[in-house]
Protein backbone atom coordinates (compact mmCIF):
# COMPACT_ATOMS: atom_id res chain seq x y z
CA MET A 1 69.11 34.34 84.21
CA ALA A 2 70.42 34.62 80.72
CA ILE A 3 74.13 34.84 80.08
CA MET A 4 75.50 37.40 77.62
CA ASP A 5 77.88 35.71 75.23
CA LEU A 6 80.57 37.21 73.01
CA SER A 7 78.33 37.57 70.09
CA SER A 8 75.90 39.70 72.18
CA LEU A 9 78.76 42.04 73.25
CA ASN A 10 79.76 42.49 69.57
CA ASN A 11 76.29 43.69 68.78
CA LEU A 12 76.66 46.69 71.16
CA ASN A 13 79.23 48.09 68.82
CA LEU A 14 81.05 49.92 71.68
CA ASP A 15 84.08 50.97 69.82
CA ALA A 16 86.49 53.76 70.85
CA GLY A 17 84.56 56.33 68.70
CA SER A 18 81.29 55.56 70.47
CA ILE A 19 82.89 55.72 73.95
CA PHE A 20 84.36 59.13 73.03
CA LEU A 21 81.15 60.34 71.78
CA LEU A 22 79.27 59.27 74.92
CA ALA A 23 81.93 61.07 77.13
CA ILE A 24 81.51 64.32 75.21
CA THR A 25 77.65 64.17 75.53
CA ILE A 26 77.86 63.60 79.26
CA CYS A 27 80.36 66.50 79.65
CA ALA A 28 78.16 68.78 77.49
CA PHE A 29 75.31 68.05 79.88
CA LEU A 30 77.15 68.34 83.13
CA ILE A 31 79.25 71.44 82.53
CA PRO A 32 76.23 73.88 82.41
CA VAL A 33 74.84 72.18 85.50
CA VAL A 34 78.13 72.63 87.41
CA VAL A 35 78.45 76.32 86.39
CA ILE A 36 74.87 77.12 87.33
CA LEU A 37 74.73 74.76 90.37
CA PRO A 38 78.29 74.16 91.54
CA PRO A 39 78.63 71.11 93.77
CA VAL A 40 79.85 73.28 96.83
CA GLY A 41 78.58 73.50 100.32
CA LEU A 42 76.65 76.44 101.49
CA GLN A 43 78.52 79.19 103.38
CA LYS A 44 77.07 80.75 106.57
CA GLY A 45 76.75 83.98 104.77
CA ASP A 46 74.56 82.49 102.14
CA ALA A 47 71.81 81.90 104.64
CA LEU A 48 72.21 85.38 106.12
CA LEU A 49 71.82 86.84 102.62
CA GLN A 50 68.08 86.26 102.96
CA THR A 51 67.60 88.47 106.04
CA HIS A 52 70.77 90.53 106.51
CA THR A 53 73.21 92.79 104.69
CA LYS A 54 76.96 92.70 105.02
CA ALA A 55 78.28 95.89 106.38
CA GLY A 56 81.32 97.61 104.99
CA VAL A 57 82.90 99.28 101.91
CA GLU A 58 84.89 96.91 99.79
CA GLY A 59 86.96 96.68 96.54
CA ALA A 60 86.58 99.64 94.03
CA ARG A 61 84.33 101.43 96.49
CA SER A 62 87.00 101.60 99.34
CA ASN A 63 88.14 105.12 100.18
CA LEU A 64 91.55 103.78 100.92
CA LYS A 65 92.39 102.75 97.28
CA ASN A 66 93.93 106.12 96.85
CA GLN A 67 95.66 106.37 100.24
CA PHE A 68 99.17 106.60 98.75
CA SER A 69 98.41 109.67 96.69
CA ALA A 70 100.16 112.62 98.29
CA GLU A 71 98.45 115.11 96.01
CA GLU A 72 94.98 113.92 96.95
CA HIS A 73 95.63 114.10 100.70
CA ALA A 74 97.66 117.30 100.99
CA PRO A 75 96.33 120.28 102.77
CA ALA A 76 94.23 122.70 100.62
CA ASP A 77 94.02 126.34 101.15
CA GLY A 78 90.84 127.27 102.83
CA LYS A 79 89.71 123.77 103.20
CA PRO A 80 89.59 122.02 106.66
CA PRO A 81 90.75 118.44 107.12
CA ARG A 82 88.11 115.91 106.55
CA VAL A 83 87.30 112.26 107.54
CA HIS A 84 88.55 110.04 104.67
CA SER A 85 87.63 106.60 106.06
CA LEU A 86 86.34 104.75 109.05
CA VAL A 87 87.39 101.26 110.22
CA VAL A 88 86.15 99.02 112.99
CA TYR A 89 87.86 95.74 114.22
CA PRO A 90 85.05 93.64 115.75
CA VAL A 91 87.61 91.02 116.77
CA LYS A 92 90.92 92.54 118.16
CA SER A 93 93.86 91.98 115.90
CA CYS A 94 91.89 90.49 113.04
CA ARG A 95 91.15 92.08 109.79
CA GLY A 96 89.01 95.34 109.97
CA ILE A 97 85.92 96.37 108.23
CA GLU A 98 85.88 99.76 106.36
CA LEU A 99 82.67 101.79 106.86
CA ALA A 100 81.21 104.96 105.45
CA ARG A 101 79.55 105.92 108.83
CA SER A 102 79.51 104.69 112.32
CA ARG A 103 77.88 105.23 115.61
CA VAL A 104 80.05 106.59 118.36
CA LEU A 105 79.59 105.31 121.91
CA PRO A 106 81.43 106.20 125.09
CA SER A 107 83.53 102.99 124.62
CA GLY A 108 84.53 104.02 120.96
CA LEU A 109 82.99 103.07 117.59
CA GLN A 110 80.03 100.68 117.60
CA PHE A 111 81.18 97.09 117.00
CA ASP A 112 84.85 97.87 117.63
CA ARG A 113 86.93 95.35 119.63
CA LEU A 114 83.96 93.43 121.04
CA PHE A 115 85.94 90.18 120.99
CA MET A 116 89.48 89.16 121.71
CA PHE A 117 91.65 86.13 121.55
CA ALA A 118 93.53 84.83 124.60
CA GLN A 119 95.86 82.03 125.36
CA LEU A 120 96.03 80.11 128.67
CA LYS A 121 99.52 80.63 130.28
CA SER A 122 101.32 79.09 133.12
CA PRO A 123 103.36 81.28 135.57
CA PHE A 124 106.96 81.31 134.46
CA PRO A 125 109.42 81.63 135.91
CA VAL A 126 108.31 80.64 139.44
CA ALA A 127 110.11 81.21 142.54
CA VAL A 128 111.88 78.23 144.17
CA ASP A 129 109.84 78.52 147.36
CA SER A 130 106.42 78.71 145.40
CA THR A 131 103.68 76.44 146.60
CA ASP A 132 102.31 73.72 144.39
CA ALA A 133 99.16 75.88 143.97
CA GLU A 134 101.16 78.85 142.81
CA LYS A 135 103.20 76.70 140.38
CA SER A 136 99.99 75.26 138.80
CA GLN A 137 98.13 78.54 138.60
CA HIS A 138 97.05 79.40 135.01
CA LYS A 139 95.77 82.64 133.64
CA TRP A 140 94.34 83.98 130.36
CA GLU A 141 96.40 86.60 128.53
CA PHE A 142 95.29 88.34 125.38
CA VAL A 143 97.03 87.66 122.07
CA THR A 144 97.50 89.88 119.02
CA GLN A 145 99.49 90.05 115.78
CA ARG A 146 102.44 90.91 117.93
CA GLN A 147 102.71 87.21 118.83
CA PHE A 148 100.72 85.62 116.10
CA SER A 149 100.95 87.54 112.84
CA ARG A 150 98.52 85.23 110.95
CA LEU A 151 95.67 86.82 112.82
CA ALA A 152 95.87 89.36 110.00
CA ASN A 153 94.50 86.68 107.68
CA VAL A 154 91.47 86.08 109.92
CA THR A 155 88.79 88.00 108.04
CA VAL A 156 85.64 89.31 109.83
CA ASP A 157 82.33 89.94 108.16
CA LEU A 158 79.58 91.92 110.04
CA TRP A 159 76.03 91.11 109.06
CA LEU A 160 73.29 93.61 110.00
CA PRO A 161 69.52 92.94 109.86
CA ASP A 162 67.96 94.33 106.76
CA GLU A 163 64.35 95.57 107.38
CA MET A 164 63.28 95.18 103.66
CA LYS A 165 64.67 91.63 103.43
CA LEU A 166 63.09 90.63 106.83
CA ARG A 167 59.72 92.08 105.69
CA LYS A 168 59.76 89.96 102.52
CA GLN A 169 60.42 86.88 104.67
CA SER A 170 57.67 87.91 107.06
CA MET A 171 60.22 88.00 109.84
CA ARG A 172 61.38 90.45 112.54
CA SER A 173 64.80 90.43 113.96
CA ASP A 174 67.38 92.97 115.37
CA GLU A 175 70.19 90.44 115.68
CA ALA A 176 73.54 91.08 114.09
CA PHE A 177 76.20 88.45 113.32
CA LEU A 178 79.85 88.09 112.75
CA ILE A 179 81.39 85.52 110.53
CA LEU A 180 85.15 84.76 111.24
CA ARG A 181 86.92 83.15 108.30
CA PHE A 182 90.48 81.73 108.12
CA PRO A 183 92.33 79.71 105.55
CA TRP A 184 92.40 75.95 106.18
CA LYS A 185 93.24 73.01 103.91
CA GLU A 186 93.19 69.26 104.88
CA ASP A 187 95.77 66.85 103.41
CA GLY A 188 94.83 64.45 100.81
CA TRP A 189 91.65 64.16 98.78
CA ARG A 190 89.70 66.16 101.25
CA GLY A 191 91.96 69.13 100.76
CA LEU A 192 91.71 68.76 96.96
CA PHE A 193 87.92 68.60 97.07
CA ALA A 194 87.72 71.60 99.26
CA THR A 195 90.12 73.60 96.89
CA ILE A 196 87.95 72.70 93.90
CA ALA A 197 84.81 73.58 95.75
CA ALA A 198 86.23 77.00 96.82
CA LYS A 199 87.21 77.87 93.33
CA LEU A 200 83.89 76.74 91.94
CA GLY A 201 82.04 78.73 94.53
CA ARG A 202 84.12 81.97 94.92
CA GLY A 203 86.41 82.22 91.87
CA ARG A 204 89.83 81.01 90.70
CA ALA A 205 91.76 82.85 93.48
CA ALA A 206 89.70 81.41 96.30
CA GLU A 207 91.18 78.97 98.79
CA PRO A 208 89.57 76.55 101.22
CA GLU A 209 88.56 78.25 104.54
CA ILE A 210 86.71 77.56 107.80
CA GLU A 211 83.94 79.86 109.00
CA VAL A 212 82.84 80.62 112.56
CA LEU A 213 79.35 82.23 113.21
CA LEU A 214 79.04 84.49 116.25
CA PRO A 215 76.17 86.72 117.50
CA VAL A 216 77.12 90.26 118.02
CA ASP A 217 74.71 90.89 121.01
CA PHE A 218 75.99 89.97 124.37
CA PRO A 219 74.15 86.76 125.28
CA SER A 220 71.48 86.44 127.96
CA ALA A 221 71.97 84.45 131.21
CA ALA A 222 70.00 81.67 129.66
CA GLU A 223 72.05 81.55 126.51
CA ILE A 224 75.30 81.69 128.49
CA LYS A 225 74.13 78.65 130.51
CA GLU A 226 72.94 76.81 127.34
CA LYS A 227 76.17 77.44 125.45
CA GLY A 228 78.44 76.59 128.38
CA TYR A 229 80.07 80.00 128.32
CA THR A 230 81.91 81.14 131.49
CA PHE A 231 83.05 84.40 133.01
CA GLU A 232 86.78 84.48 133.59
CA ASN A 233 89.47 86.95 134.22
CA VAL A 234 91.74 87.78 131.28
CA LYS A 235 94.82 90.10 131.16
CA ILE A 236 95.15 92.77 128.59
CA TRP A 237 98.50 94.61 128.96
CA LYS A 238 98.72 95.40 132.66
CA GLU A 239 94.98 95.24 133.34
CA THR A 240 92.93 92.18 134.28
CA ILE A 241 89.23 92.35 133.46
CA ASN A 242 86.37 89.80 133.85
CA ALA A 243 84.89 88.87 130.47
CA LEU A 244 82.88 86.13 128.86
CA ASN A 245 84.88 83.07 127.71
CA MET A 246 83.26 81.60 124.52
CA GLU A 247 86.19 79.18 123.64
CA ASN A 248 83.82 76.37 122.82
CA GLU A 249 82.86 78.24 119.64
CA LEU A 250 86.36 77.92 118.23
CA PRO A 251 87.43 75.07 116.07
CA ASP A 252 90.81 73.50 117.07
CA GLU A 253 92.06 74.23 113.47
CA LEU A 254 92.16 77.98 114.25
CA ARG A 255 94.66 77.35 117.11
CA ARG A 256 96.81 75.24 114.74
CA TYR A 257 96.54 77.73 111.94
CA LEU A 258 97.69 80.57 114.07
CA GLY A 259 100.51 78.53 115.67
CA VAL A 260 99.18 78.84 119.22
CA SER A 261 100.60 75.99 121.27
CA ASN A 262 98.54 76.79 124.41
CA LYS A 263 94.80 76.54 124.94
CA LEU A 264 93.06 79.28 122.83
CA ALA A 265 89.99 81.10 123.82
CA LEU A 266 87.68 83.86 122.37
CA PHE A 267 86.54 86.44 124.94
CA ARG A 268 83.41 88.79 124.57
CA VAL A 269 83.67 92.03 126.40
CA ASP A 270 81.00 92.49 129.08
CA PRO A 271 79.12 95.71 128.38
CA GLU A 272 78.54 95.90 132.25
CA GLN A 273 82.31 95.57 133.05
CA LEU A 274 84.10 97.98 130.65
CA ARG A 275 87.62 99.34 131.62
CA GLU A 276 87.69 102.73 133.09
CA VAL A 277 90.22 104.95 131.25
CA TYR A 278 92.44 107.41 133.17
CA ARG A 279 96.00 108.59 132.53
CA CYS A 280 95.77 111.10 129.57
CA ALA A 281 92.02 110.84 129.20
CA PRO A 282 89.68 113.70 130.41
CA SER A 283 88.49 113.39 133.91
CA GLU A 284 84.79 112.43 134.70
CA GLU A 285 84.24 116.17 135.52
CA GLU A 286 85.69 117.22 132.13
CA ALA A 287 83.95 114.58 129.95
CA GLY A 288 80.67 114.55 131.85
CA TYR A 289 81.04 110.82 132.32
CA GLN A 290 83.78 108.33 133.27
CA PRO A 291 85.71 107.51 129.98
CA VAL A 292 85.58 103.71 129.45
CA THR A 293 86.76 101.27 126.80
CA GLY A 294 86.46 97.63 125.80
CA PHE A 295 89.25 95.46 124.37
CA GLN A 296 90.99 98.48 122.86
CA ASP A 297 94.64 98.77 123.96
CA ALA A 298 94.12 101.83 126.11
CA TYR A 299 91.65 104.55 124.76
CA PRO A 300 88.30 104.41 122.98
CA LEU A 301 89.41 105.52 119.48
CA HIS A 302 92.44 105.84 117.39
CA LEU A 303 93.03 108.58 114.75
CA MET A 304 95.58 108.58 111.94
CA ASN A 305 96.42 111.38 109.49
CA LEU A 306 97.28 110.19 105.96
CA SER A 307 99.72 113.03 105.40
CA SER A 308 101.63 111.94 108.55
CA VAL A 309 101.75 108.33 107.28
CA GLN A 310 103.06 109.40 103.96
CA LYS A 311 105.60 111.72 105.45
CA PHE A 312 106.90 108.98 107.78
CA SER A 313 106.76 106.33 105.00
CA SER A 314 109.17 108.46 102.92
CA GLU A 315 111.77 107.95 105.66
CA VAL A 316 111.38 104.21 106.01
CA PRO A 317 113.78 101.99 103.98
CA LYS A 318 111.90 99.96 101.39
CA ASP A 319 112.69 96.37 100.02
CA ASP A 320 111.01 93.56 98.26
CA ASP A 321 108.98 92.83 101.36
CA LEU A 322 108.05 96.44 102.24
CA LYS A 323 107.10 98.64 99.27
CA GLU A 324 104.44 100.89 100.88
CA LEU A 325 103.19 101.56 104.40
CA ASP A 326 99.49 100.86 104.38
CA VAL A 327 97.66 103.00 106.99
CA LEU A 328 95.78 99.85 108.17
CA ARG A 329 99.16 98.57 109.59
CA PHE A 330 98.47 101.07 112.30
CA ARG A 331 94.92 99.91 113.12
CA PRO A 332 93.24 103.33 113.04
CA ASN A 333 89.44 103.82 113.51
CA ILE A 334 89.34 107.44 112.02
CA ILE A 335 91.51 108.21 109.04
CA LEU A 336 92.04 111.81 108.09
CA SER A 337 92.91 113.65 104.75
CA GLY A 338 93.80 117.24 104.15
CA ALA A 339 95.77 118.05 107.32
CA PRO A 340 99.55 118.87 107.35
CA ALA A 341 101.87 116.10 108.38
CA TYR A 342 102.02 115.61 112.22
CA ASP A 343 99.64 118.65 112.78
CA GLU A 344 97.32 116.36 114.76
CA GLU A 345 99.99 116.03 117.53
CA THR A 346 99.12 119.62 118.48
CA TRP A 347 95.47 119.05 118.84
CA LYS A 348 93.83 118.81 122.17
CA GLN A 349 90.14 118.88 121.31
CA ILE A 350 88.51 118.61 117.88
CA ARG A 351 84.90 118.89 116.64
CA LEU A 352 83.73 116.86 113.57
CA LYS A 353 81.16 118.97 111.61
CA PRO A 354 78.72 117.62 108.93
CA GLY A 355 80.61 118.91 105.88
CA SER A 356 79.42 116.81 102.98
CA SER A 357 77.61 114.56 105.41
CA SER A 358 74.75 116.97 106.11
CA LEU A 359 72.58 114.35 107.83
CA TYR A 360 74.72 114.34 110.96
CA ASN A 361 75.36 116.57 113.97
CA ASP A 362 78.55 117.93 115.33
CA VAL A 363 80.64 115.40 117.41
CA SER A 364 83.56 116.44 119.75
CA PHE A 365 86.60 114.41 120.82
CA HIS A 366 89.26 114.91 123.48
CA VAL A 367 92.58 114.31 121.76
CA SER A 368 94.11 112.42 124.73
CA CYS A 369 97.65 111.42 123.76
CA ARG A 370 100.00 110.20 121.04
CA THR A 371 99.96 106.58 120.10
CA VAL A 372 103.09 104.88 121.27
CA ARG A 373 103.91 102.14 118.69
CA CYS A 374 104.99 98.55 119.29
CA LYS A 375 106.17 96.02 116.59
CA MET A 376 102.72 95.23 115.33
CA PRO A 377 102.88 97.57 112.29
CA ASN A 378 105.66 95.31 110.92
CA VAL A 379 102.88 92.92 110.00
CA ASP A 380 101.56 93.20 106.41
CA GLN A 381 97.77 93.30 106.80
CA GLU A 382 97.28 91.61 103.48
CA SER A 383 99.63 88.70 103.69
CA GLY A 384 100.01 88.29 107.42
CA LEU A 385 103.84 88.22 107.13
CA ARG A 386 106.00 90.21 109.59
CA HIS A 387 108.85 92.25 108.34
CA PRO A 388 112.02 91.59 110.45
CA ARG A 389 112.79 95.33 111.05
CA GLU A 390 110.44 97.95 109.50
CA PRO A 391 108.72 100.17 110.35
CA ASP A 392 109.56 99.52 114.00
CA LYS A 393 113.23 100.48 113.51
CA SER A 394 112.42 103.70 111.76
CA LEU A 395 109.67 104.61 114.23
CA ARG A 396 112.08 104.40 117.13
CA ALA A 397 114.74 106.39 115.15
CA GLN A 398 112.60 109.06 113.58
CA ARG A 399 109.45 109.26 115.83
CA ALA A 400 110.71 109.25 119.46
CA VAL A 401 109.06 112.60 119.91
CA ASP A 402 107.16 112.30 123.29
CA GLU A 403 109.03 112.94 126.39
CA GLY A 404 106.68 110.60 128.32
CA ALA A 405 107.81 107.70 126.00
CA PRO A 406 111.57 107.96 125.56
CA LEU A 407 113.12 105.72 122.85
CA MET A 408 109.57 104.72 121.63
CA GLY A 409 108.17 105.67 118.31
CA CYS A 410 104.85 107.50 118.12
CA LEU A 411 102.41 107.88 115.16
CA GLY A 412 98.69 108.62 115.44
CA MET A 413 96.58 110.03 118.30
CA GLN A 414 94.22 108.50 120.86
CA LEU A 415 90.73 110.00 121.28
CA THR A 416 87.98 110.12 123.85
CA PRO A 417 84.55 110.97 122.80
CA LEU A 418 82.80 113.84 124.39
CA PHE A 419 78.98 114.09 124.55
CA ASP A 420 76.46 116.81 125.20
CA PRO A 421 75.45 116.63 128.89
CA SER A 422 71.81 116.91 127.91
CA LEU A 423 72.06 113.39 126.49
CA GLY A 424 72.13 111.89 129.90
CA GLU A 425 72.77 108.17 129.85
CA ASP A 426 71.77 108.17 126.07
CA ARG A 427 75.41 108.98 124.98
CA ALA A 428 75.65 108.32 121.28
CA ALA A 429 76.44 110.16 118.10
CA TRP A 430 77.16 109.36 114.39
CA ILE A 431 80.29 110.15 112.37
CA ALA A 432 80.71 109.71 108.66
CA VAL A 433 83.13 109.99 105.77
CA GLY A 434 83.17 113.55 104.51
CA MET A 435 82.80 115.21 107.97
CA THR A 436 85.26 118.13 108.47
CA ILE A 437 87.54 118.68 111.43
CA ASP A 438 87.52 121.90 113.40
CA VAL A 439 90.50 122.10 115.81
CA GLU A 440 89.01 123.77 118.91
CA GLU A 441 92.05 123.60 121.23
CA ARG A 442 95.82 123.07 120.66
CA GLY A 443 98.41 122.12 123.24
CA ASN A 444 101.39 119.97 124.21
CA HIS A 445 101.02 116.16 124.77
CA VAL A 446 103.09 114.13 127.31
CA TYR A 447 102.25 110.43 127.33
CA ILE A 448 101.63 108.85 130.73
CA LYS A 449 102.63 105.17 130.93
CA GLN A 450 100.29 102.50 132.27
């Protein structure tokens, strides 16, 4: 093997100018490559783009971008109130998805509150004379932004099969999927690389995140066995229901991100074991079927009137952490415009008519009761930060208006869908932005506690 001596090295003429020129040449070649093909990993949504379309109304197309304009949402002479926006929350207490239209089922809007997080809790305190079995008994209890405000930062994408895309791929499928995403950054060089990759792939403001892919449809018995899912009891408020535990789909990073010290699970509502709704809901004879719901707090749907939110917001003290009351803090499904403030609290039955959405038929709802608020609206749905006082303090002071819920603030109304008896078991309808509201019956509301 020949040995390169000093004179040979001198012949290479690798002076500083040559090295600089070589570096510039390499960068000039690499920069376009990085821009066109950034060195980032594929996201789960990238694969779904070939066969599915992401549901929802986003950004400049959102109907909620003008929600703070009193003039645009004030009542107009001779014009009925109208549906301004629709929102579903496929995973309870995570970020919602704004829609232009939605299917209405007996349990509420399609895709609403199909999943729910729960933590495994031990009985505490326990009686002195409790047995060892009683002391060691654990149970699943649902969790929301009330305990873990960072759930507001868990975004949910709904991907629906697109017939045109599937046809191009010579495929057939009716499967829909959810993608859960939450911020997560490792320490050290891994975190640095993830940050660079996120910004290259999704823009300067992007941050590293972890994704979880979930099928929307309830799994078959074979899939449940294959995936290792189990049916277990889970408590939601004062009710205990049997649902499908899919905890093995969750990365441990999510538990740590949320700050959950106990074991964390994700439950899927069983469509064969929905919760029956009583209290203020119409009876089975009145509704033509037994009202039911999934993982909603109490009733199938929740309605908010923008004029009411604006009126109440004007009475809430503002500070650097609370400048406006976003209607999404109150987790509504149907958001109205053009009704007088608090007029909805006199409604007992309403009918949504086609209005500008002439493709749809009338849909009726029983206005079951007021929505009694907890401290959850204190959480900013954009940042996931909880305000220490508001609007909970003002709700209790200004909106304790229901004799059935003394000292509790109320804002919004709970709805139960009503269906034409001729539909039989095929109870379903469509509602859409632009539909108008006809108030068919008015009356007084008295909340009945669980």
